[in-house]
Amino acid sequence: MSACCARGYERFFGAKAARRDARRYRRKGLDGAAQRLVDELDRRGLDGTTVLEIGGGVGAVDVELLKRGAERATVVELSHGYDEEALTLAREAGAEARIERRHGDFAEDEAAIEPADVVVMHRVVCCYPEPERLVGAAATHTRRLLALSFPRDTWWLRLGFRLVNVWFRLTGGIEGFVHPPAVIVQAAEATGLTPVLHVPAGQIWHVAVFERV
């Protein structure tokens, strides 16, 4: 990810977005796609596992996975703006000592990140221009399970993303991408993972879970 994109990400996903996300989580819990990912991972066993979440935002998914039996979690997040709210949520859940937060572009810095039993990317692939690289790196770091969500590949979502991207280019924001699902699946399979779930989750998101057999 280029430096200008990283700066745009910091602006777009800053403290204001973090407060909004934390407030929504406290009121309503996880969004539908995130909840589906957590439920599917729980069904496959989380007791004693380590979790790596790429682009974890305020860390709500990690809090829920720890509640379901995971031992500890590491969040790799590009924006520093989420940290304060993430720390507050972790403290409220009694999980502050079990969640580590790191900063940077995971695809660039993957060599410095330890593998984990479970790797999660919720609404992250759509922010990255090279899905093969990002998903491949995440899959390589997965000992057991990789769970991710990404936009459904529909004509109206592709059109919507194009229109929004025009605005973001003019205002210095970030671009979004509707990547072909086959590209995402192939990137995970190339590392030896097998898809065990690949379904729509609402009108916008698709969820997929891969397992290392």
C-alpha atoms as a PDB file:
ATOM      1  CA  MET A   1       0.000   0.000   0.000  1.00  0.00           C
ATOM      2  CA  SER A   2       1.404   3.391  -0.957  1.00  0.00           C
ATOM      3  CA  ALA A   3       2.197   6.094   1.582  1.00  0.00           C
ATOM      4  CA  CYS A   4      -0.609   8.316   0.267  1.00  0.00           C
ATOM      5  CA  CYS A   5      -3.123   5.475   0.644  1.00  0.00           C
ATOM      6  CA  ALA A   6      -1.895   4.880   4.189  1.00  0.00           C
ATOM      7  CA  ARG A   7      -2.410   8.551   5.044  1.00  0.00           C
ATOM      8  CA  GLY A   8      -5.893   8.420   3.538  1.00  0.00           C
ATOM      9  CA  TYR A   9      -6.647   5.334   5.613  1.00  0.00           C
ATOM     10  CA  GLU A  10      -5.547   7.117   8.793  1.00  0.00           C
ATOM     11  CA  ARG A  11      -7.864  10.024   7.969  1.00  0.00           C
ATOM     12  CA  PHE A  12     -10.849   7.907   6.981  1.00  0.00           C
ATOM     13  CA  PHE A  13     -10.483   5.367   9.803  1.00  0.00           C
ATOM     14  CA  GLY A  14      -9.529   7.721  12.594  1.00  0.00           C
ATOM     15  CA  ALA A  15     -10.735   8.421  16.109  1.00  0.00           C
ATOM     16  CA  LYS A  16     -14.190   9.525  14.940  1.00  0.00           C
ATOM     17  CA  ALA A  17     -14.771   6.249  13.089  1.00  0.00           C
ATOM     18  CA  ALA A  18     -13.458   4.346  16.116  1.00  0.00           C
ATOM     19  CA  ARG A  19     -15.929   6.035  18.462  1.00  0.00           C
ATOM     20  CA  ARG A  20     -18.765   5.253  16.046  1.00  0.00           C
ATOM     21  CA  ASP A  21     -17.754   1.597  15.711  1.00  0.00           C
ATOM     22  CA  ALA A  22     -17.325   1.114  19.466  1.00  0.00           C
ATOM     23  CA  ARG A  23     -20.677   2.763  20.192  1.00  0.00           C
ATOM     24  CA  ARG A  24     -22.422   0.544  17.638  1.00  0.00           C
ATOM     25  CA  TYR A  25     -20.801  -2.593  19.068  1.00  0.00           C
ATOM     26  CA  ARG A  26     -21.861  -1.734  22.609  1.00  0.00           C
ATOM     27  CA  ARG A  27     -25.451  -1.173  21.458  1.00  0.00           C
ATOM     28  CA  LYS A  28     -25.930  -3.909  18.875  1.00  0.00           C
ATOM     29  CA  GLY A  29     -22.973  -6.277  19.011  1.00  0.00           C
ATOM     30  CA  LEU A  30     -21.155  -7.382  15.859  1.00  0.00           C
ATOM     31  CA  ASP A  31     -22.529  -6.695  12.398  1.00  0.00           C
ATOM     32  CA  GLY A  32     -24.086  -9.633  10.580  1.00  0.00           C
ATOM     33  CA  ALA A  33     -21.057 -10.687   8.551  1.00  0.00           C
ATOM     34  CA  ALA A  34     -18.684 -10.470  11.524  1.00  0.00           C
ATOM     35  CA  GLN A  35     -21.100 -12.444  13.681  1.00  0.00           C
ATOM     36  CA  ARG A  36     -21.296 -15.149  11.024  1.00  0.00           C
ATOM     37  CA  LEU A  37     -17.508 -15.406  10.948  1.00  0.00           C
ATOM     38  CA  VAL A  38     -17.287 -15.684  14.735  1.00  0.00           C
ATOM     39  CA  ASP A  39     -20.046 -18.313  14.851  1.00  0.00           C
ATOM     40  CA  GLU A  40     -18.409 -20.392  12.118  1.00  0.00           C
ATOM     41  CA  LEU A  41     -15.026 -20.270  13.828  1.00  0.00           C
ATOM     42  CA  ASP A  42     -16.630 -21.205  17.147  1.00  0.00           C
ATOM     43  CA  ARG A  43     -18.273 -24.223  15.509  1.00  0.00           C
ATOM     44  CA  ARG A  44     -14.836 -25.444  14.469  1.00  0.00           C
ATOM     45  CA  GLY A  45     -13.287 -25.029  17.921  1.00  0.00           C
ATOM     46  CA  LEU A  46     -11.584 -22.024  19.496  1.00  0.00           C
ATOM     47  CA  ASP A  47     -10.453 -23.320  22.893  1.00  0.00           C
ATOM     48  CA  GLY A  48      -6.844 -22.368  23.547  1.00  0.00           C
ATOM     49  CA  THR A  49      -6.264 -20.928  20.070  1.00  0.00           C
ATOM     50  CA  THR A  50      -4.249 -17.908  19.079  1.00  0.00           C
ATOM     51  CA  VAL A  51      -5.912 -15.323  16.825  1.00  0.00           C
ATOM     52  CA  LEU A  52      -4.399 -12.904  14.331  1.00  0.00           C
ATOM     53  CA  GLU A  53      -6.777 -10.253  13.005  1.00  0.00           C
ATOM     54  CA  ILE A  54      -5.617  -8.109  10.118  1.00  0.00           C
ATOM     55  CA  GLY A  55      -7.282  -4.696  10.060  1.00  0.00           C
ATOM     56  CA  GLY A  56      -9.083  -5.326  13.338  1.00  0.00           C
ATOM     57  CA  GLY A  57     -10.385  -1.805  13.962  1.00  0.00           C
ATOM     58  CA  VAL A  58     -11.600  -1.481  17.556  1.00  0.00           C
ATOM     59  CA  GLY A  59     -11.024  -5.192  18.147  1.00  0.00           C
ATOM     60  CA  ALA A  60     -14.658  -6.238  18.619  1.00  0.00           C
ATOM     61  CA  VAL A  61     -14.185  -9.497  16.700  1.00  0.00           C
ATOM     62  CA  ASP A  62     -11.201 -10.395  18.886  1.00  0.00           C
ATOM     63  CA  VAL A  63     -13.150  -9.682  22.071  1.00  0.00           C
ATOM     64  CA  GLU A  64     -15.895 -12.042  20.896  1.00  0.00           C
ATOM     65  CA  LEU A  65     -13.417 -14.770  19.907  1.00  0.00           C
ATOM     66  CA  LEU A  66     -11.764 -14.548  23.320  1.00  0.00           C
ATOM     67  CA  LYS A  67     -15.189 -14.931  24.922  1.00  0.00           C
ATOM     68  CA  ARG A  68     -15.667 -18.111  22.852  1.00  0.00           C
ATOM     69  CA  GLY A  69     -12.462 -19.708  24.144  1.00  0.00           C
ATOM     70  CA  ALA A  70      -9.518 -18.246  22.230  1.00  0.00           C
ATOM     71  CA  GLU A  71      -6.455 -17.738  24.431  1.00  0.00           C
ATOM     72  CA  ARG A  72      -5.004 -14.534  23.028  1.00  0.00           C
ATOM     73  CA  ALA A  73      -5.236 -12.257  19.990  1.00  0.00           C
ATOM     74  CA  THR A  74      -2.959 -10.005  17.963  1.00  0.00           C
ATOM     75  CA  VAL A  75      -4.391  -7.154  15.894  1.00  0.00           C
ATOM     76  CA  VAL A  76      -2.403  -5.669  13.016  1.00  0.00           C
ATOM     77  CA  GLU A  77      -4.005  -2.352  12.130  1.00  0.00           C
ATOM     78  CA  LEU A  78      -2.879   0.358   9.732  1.00  0.00           C
ATOM     79  CA  SER A  79      -4.593   3.234  11.556  1.00  0.00           C
ATOM     80  CA  HIS A  80      -3.545   4.464  14.996  1.00  0.00           C
ATOM     81  CA  GLY A  81      -6.939   6.141  15.403  1.00  0.00           C
ATOM     82  CA  TYR A  82      -8.594   2.966  16.699  1.00  0.00           C
ATOM     83  CA  ASP A  83      -6.235   2.373  19.614  1.00  0.00           C
ATOM     84  CA  GLU A  84      -7.949   4.319  22.380  1.00  0.00           C
ATOM     85  CA  GLU A  85     -11.400   2.826  21.777  1.00  0.00           C
ATOM     86  CA  ALA A  86      -9.908  -0.635  21.262  1.00  0.00           C
ATOM     87  CA  LEU A  87      -8.133  -0.442  24.607  1.00  0.00           C
ATOM     88  CA  THR A  88     -11.349   0.658  26.316  1.00  0.00           C
ATOM     89  CA  LEU A  89     -13.373  -2.199  24.800  1.00  0.00           C
ATOM     90  CA  ALA A  90     -10.718  -4.751  25.747  1.00  0.00           C
ATOM     91  CA  ARG A  91     -10.611  -3.392  29.299  1.00  0.00           C
ATOM     92  CA  GLU A  92     -14.406  -3.539  29.580  1.00  0.00           C
ATOM     93  CA  ALA A  93     -14.301  -7.192  28.514  1.00  0.00           C
ATOM     94  CA  GLY A  94     -11.498  -8.044  30.935  1.00  0.00           C
ATOM     95  CA  ALA A  95      -9.297  -8.954  27.973  1.00  0.00           C
ATOM     96  CA  GLU A  96      -6.765  -6.116  27.971  1.00  0.00           C
ATOM     97  CA  ALA A  97      -3.818  -8.397  28.789  1.00  0.00           C
ATOM     98  CA  ARG A  98      -4.787 -10.906  26.097  1.00  0.00           C
ATOM     99  CA  ILE A  99      -4.905  -8.572  23.077  1.00  0.00           C
ATOM    100  CA  GLU A 100      -1.767  -7.163  21.483  1.00  0.00           C
ATOM    101  CA  ARG A 101      -2.030  -4.361  18.949  1.00  0.00           C
ATOM    102  CA  ARG A 102       0.532  -3.705  16.230  1.00  0.00           C
ATOM    103  CA  HIS A 103       0.607  -1.135  13.446  1.00  0.00           C
ATOM    104  CA  GLY A 104       1.535  -1.375   9.809  1.00  0.00           C
ATOM    105  CA  ASP A 105       0.641  -2.801   6.415  1.00  0.00           C
ATOM    106  CA  PHE A 106       0.411  -6.538   7.060  1.00  0.00           C
ATOM    107  CA  ALA A 107       1.259  -7.494   3.481  1.00  0.00           C
ATOM    108  CA  GLU A 108       4.417  -5.382   3.714  1.00  0.00           C
ATOM    109  CA  ASP A 109       5.408  -6.421   7.241  1.00  0.00           C
ATOM    110  CA  GLU A 110       4.268 -10.058   7.314  1.00  0.00           C
ATOM    111  CA  ALA A 111       7.761 -11.437   7.948  1.00  0.00           C
ATOM    112  CA  ALA A 112       7.724  -9.794  11.377  1.00  0.00           C
ATOM    113  CA  ILE A 113       4.328 -11.244  12.360  1.00  0.00           C
ATOM    114  CA  GLU A 114       4.029 -14.650  14.040  1.00  0.00           C
ATOM    115  CA  PRO A 115       1.567 -17.194  12.574  1.00  0.00           C
ATOM    116  CA  ALA A 116      -1.623 -17.966  14.496  1.00  0.00           C
ATOM    117  CA  ASP A 117      -4.125 -20.789  14.731  1.00  0.00           C
ATOM    118  CA  VAL A 118      -6.893 -18.532  13.435  1.00  0.00           C
ATOM    119  CA  VAL A 119      -6.508 -15.573  11.064  1.00  0.00           C
ATOM    120  CA  VAL A 120      -9.385 -13.146  10.469  1.00  0.00           C
ATOM    121  CA  MET A 121      -9.894 -10.363   7.918  1.00  0.00           C
ATOM    122  CA  HIS A 122     -13.301  -8.700   8.188  1.00  0.00           C
ATOM    123  CA  ARG A 123     -13.996  -6.048   5.522  1.00  0.00           C
ATOM    124  CA  VAL A 124     -10.293  -5.700   4.773  1.00  0.00           C
ATOM    125  CA  VAL A 125      -9.734  -7.335   1.372  1.00  0.00           C
ATOM    126  CA  CYS A 126     -11.891  -4.628  -0.251  1.00  0.00           C
ATOM    127  CA  CYS A 127      -9.421  -1.964   0.927  1.00  0.00           C
ATOM    128  CA  TYR A 128      -6.398  -3.599  -0.692  1.00  0.00           C
ATOM    129  CA  PRO A 129      -5.582  -3.391  -4.432  1.00  0.00           C
ATOM    130  CA  GLU A 130      -3.701  -6.719  -4.562  1.00  0.00           C
ATOM    131  CA  PRO A 131      -5.950  -9.457  -3.167  1.00  0.00           C
ATOM    132  CA  GLU A 132      -3.591 -12.290  -4.127  1.00  0.00           C
ATOM    133  CA  ARG A 133      -0.805 -10.735  -2.079  1.00  0.00           C
ATOM    134  CA  LEU A 134      -2.898  -9.907   0.990  1.00  0.00           C
ATOM    135  CA  VAL A 135      -4.918 -13.121   1.120  1.00  0.00           C
ATOM    136  CA  GLY A 136      -1.837 -15.183   0.316  1.00  0.00           C
ATOM    137  CA  ALA A 137       0.068 -13.604   3.203  1.00  0.00           C
ATOM    138  CA  ALA A 138      -2.850 -14.127   5.586  1.00  0.00           C
ATOM    139  CA  ALA A 139      -3.247 -17.741   4.491  1.00  0.00           C
ATOM    140  CA  THR A 140       0.473 -18.405   4.955  1.00  0.00           C
ATOM    141  CA  HIS A 141       0.141 -17.205   8.565  1.00  0.00           C
ATOM    142  CA  THR A 142      -2.777 -19.551   9.249  1.00  0.00           C
ATOM    143  CA  ARG A 143      -2.122 -22.754  11.159  1.00  0.00           C
ATOM    144  CA  ARG A 144      -5.754 -23.910  11.174  1.00  0.00           C
ATOM    145  CA  LEU A 145      -8.452 -21.500  10.023  1.00  0.00           C
ATOM    146  CA  LEU A 146      -8.717 -18.409   7.835  1.00  0.00           C
ATOM    147  CA  ALA A 147     -11.965 -16.427   7.984  1.00  0.00           C
ATOM    148  CA  LEU A 148     -12.696 -13.381   5.877  1.00  0.00           C
ATOM    149  CA  SER A 149     -15.434 -11.197   4.472  1.00  0.00           C
ATOM    150  CA  PHE A 150     -15.401  -9.243   1.217  1.00  0.00           C
ATOM    151  CA  PRO A 151     -17.961  -7.507  -1.030  1.00  0.00           C
ATOM    152  CA  ARG A 152     -20.223  -9.653  -3.157  1.00  0.00           C
ATOM    153  CA  ASP A 153     -19.305  -9.509  -6.843  1.00  0.00           C
ATOM    154  CA  THR A 154     -22.496  -7.900  -8.208  1.00  0.00           C
ATOM    155  CA  TRP A 155     -22.877  -5.278 -10.944  1.00  0.00           C
ATOM    156  CA  TRP A 156     -24.503  -2.779  -8.614  1.00  0.00           C
ATOM    157  CA  LEU A 157     -21.754  -3.068  -5.990  1.00  0.00           C
ATOM    158  CA  ARG A 158     -19.070  -2.696  -8.671  1.00  0.00           C
ATOM    159  CA  LEU A 159     -20.844   0.423  -9.942  1.00  0.00           C
ATOM    160  CA  GLY A 160     -21.247   1.787  -6.433  1.00  0.00           C
ATOM    161  CA  PHE A 161     -17.570   1.291  -5.626  1.00  0.00           C
ATOM    162  CA  ARG A 162     -16.560   3.036  -8.860  1.00  0.00           C
ATOM    163  CA  LEU A 163     -18.695   6.075  -8.048  1.00  0.00           C
ATOM    164  CA  VAL A 164     -17.430   6.274  -4.470  1.00  0.00           C
ATOM    165  CA  ASN A 165     -13.838   5.928  -5.667  1.00  0.00           C
ATOM    166  CA  VAL A 166     -14.243   8.949  -7.932  1.00  0.00           C
ATOM    167  CA  TRP A 167     -15.216  11.019  -4.911  1.00  0.00           C
ATOM    168  CA  PHE A 168     -12.371   9.631  -2.803  1.00  0.00           C
ATOM    169  CA  ARG A 169      -9.822  10.447  -5.516  1.00  0.00           C
ATOM    170  CA  LEU A 170     -11.016  14.040  -5.472  1.00  0.00           C
ATOM    171  CA  THR A 171     -11.000  14.323  -1.683  1.00  0.00           C
ATOM    172  CA  GLY A 172      -7.891  12.312  -0.856  1.00  0.00           C
ATOM    173  CA  GLY A 173      -9.749   9.353   0.609  1.00  0.00           C
ATOM    174  CA  ILE A 174      -9.130   5.657   0.156  1.00  0.00           C
ATOM    175  CA  GLU A 175     -10.241   3.468  -2.729  1.00  0.00           C
ATOM    176  CA  GLY A 176     -12.342   0.337  -2.404  1.00  0.00           C
ATOM    177  CA  PHE A 177     -12.296  -2.785  -4.546  1.00  0.00           C
ATOM    178  CA  VAL A 178     -14.740  -5.546  -5.495  1.00  0.00           C
ATOM    179  CA  HIS A 179     -12.355  -8.390  -6.193  1.00  0.00           C
ATOM    180  CA  PRO A 180     -13.467 -11.551  -8.032  1.00  0.00           C
ATOM    181  CA  PRO A 181     -14.177 -14.247  -5.408  1.00  0.00           C
ATOM    182  CA  ALA A 182     -12.267 -16.807  -7.483  1.00  0.00           C
ATOM    183  CA  VAL A 183      -9.072 -14.775  -7.067  1.00  0.00           C
ATOM    184  CA  ILE A 184      -9.507 -14.718  -3.284  1.00  0.00           C
ATOM    185  CA  VAL A 185     -10.262 -18.435  -3.087  1.00  0.00           C
ATOM    186  CA  GLN A 186      -7.331 -19.363  -5.297  1.00  0.00           C
ATOM    187  CA  ALA A 187      -4.926 -17.273  -3.216  1.00  0.00           C
ATOM    188  CA  ALA A 188      -5.956 -19.180  -0.087  1.00  0.00           C
ATOM    189  CA  GLU A 189      -5.966 -22.582  -1.767  1.00  0.00           C
ATOM    190  CA  ALA A 190      -2.458 -21.996  -3.117  1.00  0.00           C
ATOM    191  CA  THR A 191      -1.149 -22.217   0.466  1.00  0.00           C
ATOM    192  CA  GLY A 192      -2.846 -25.548   1.135  1.00  0.00           C
ATOM    193  CA  LEU A 193      -6.098 -24.302   2.646  1.00  0.00           C
ATOM    194  CA  THR A 194      -9.460 -25.883   1.819  1.00  0.00           C
ATOM    195  CA  PRO A 195     -12.683 -23.806   1.643  1.00  0.00           C
ATOM    196  CA  VAL A 196     -15.287 -25.034   4.137  1.00  0.00           C
ATOM    197  CA  LEU A 197     -17.699 -22.080   3.878  1.00  0.00           C
ATOM    198  CA  HIS A 198     -18.362 -19.700   0.985  1.00  0.00           C
ATOM    199  CA  VAL A 199     -21.740 -17.944   1.258  1.00  0.00           C
ATOM    200  CA  PRO A 200     -23.387 -14.502   1.029  1.00  0.00           C
ATOM    201  CA  ALA A 201     -23.994 -12.689   4.308  1.00  0.00           C
ATOM    202  CA  GLY A 202     -26.615 -10.088   3.501  1.00  0.00           C
ATOM    203  CA  GLN A 203     -26.861  -7.837   0.466  1.00  0.00           C
ATOM    204  CA  ILE A 204     -23.288  -6.538   0.518  1.00  0.00           C
ATOM    205  CA  TRP A 205     -20.915  -9.021   2.114  1.00  0.00           C
ATOM    206  CA  HIS A 206     -19.700 -12.511   1.348  1.00  0.00           C
ATOM    207  CA  VAL A 207     -18.075 -14.655   4.046  1.00  0.00           C
ATOM    208  CA  ALA A 208     -15.599 -17.473   3.559  1.00  0.00           C
ATOM    209  CA  VAL A 209     -13.790 -19.831   5.915  1.00  0.00           C
ATOM    210  CA  PHE A 210     -10.811 -21.971   4.944  1.00  0.00           C
ATOM    211  CA  GLU A 211      -9.243 -24.811   6.915  1.00  0.00           C
ATOM    212  CA  ARG A 212      -5.817 -26.377   6.832  1.00  0.00           C
ATOM    213  CA  VAL A 213      -6.475 -30.110   6.794  1.00  0.00           C
END
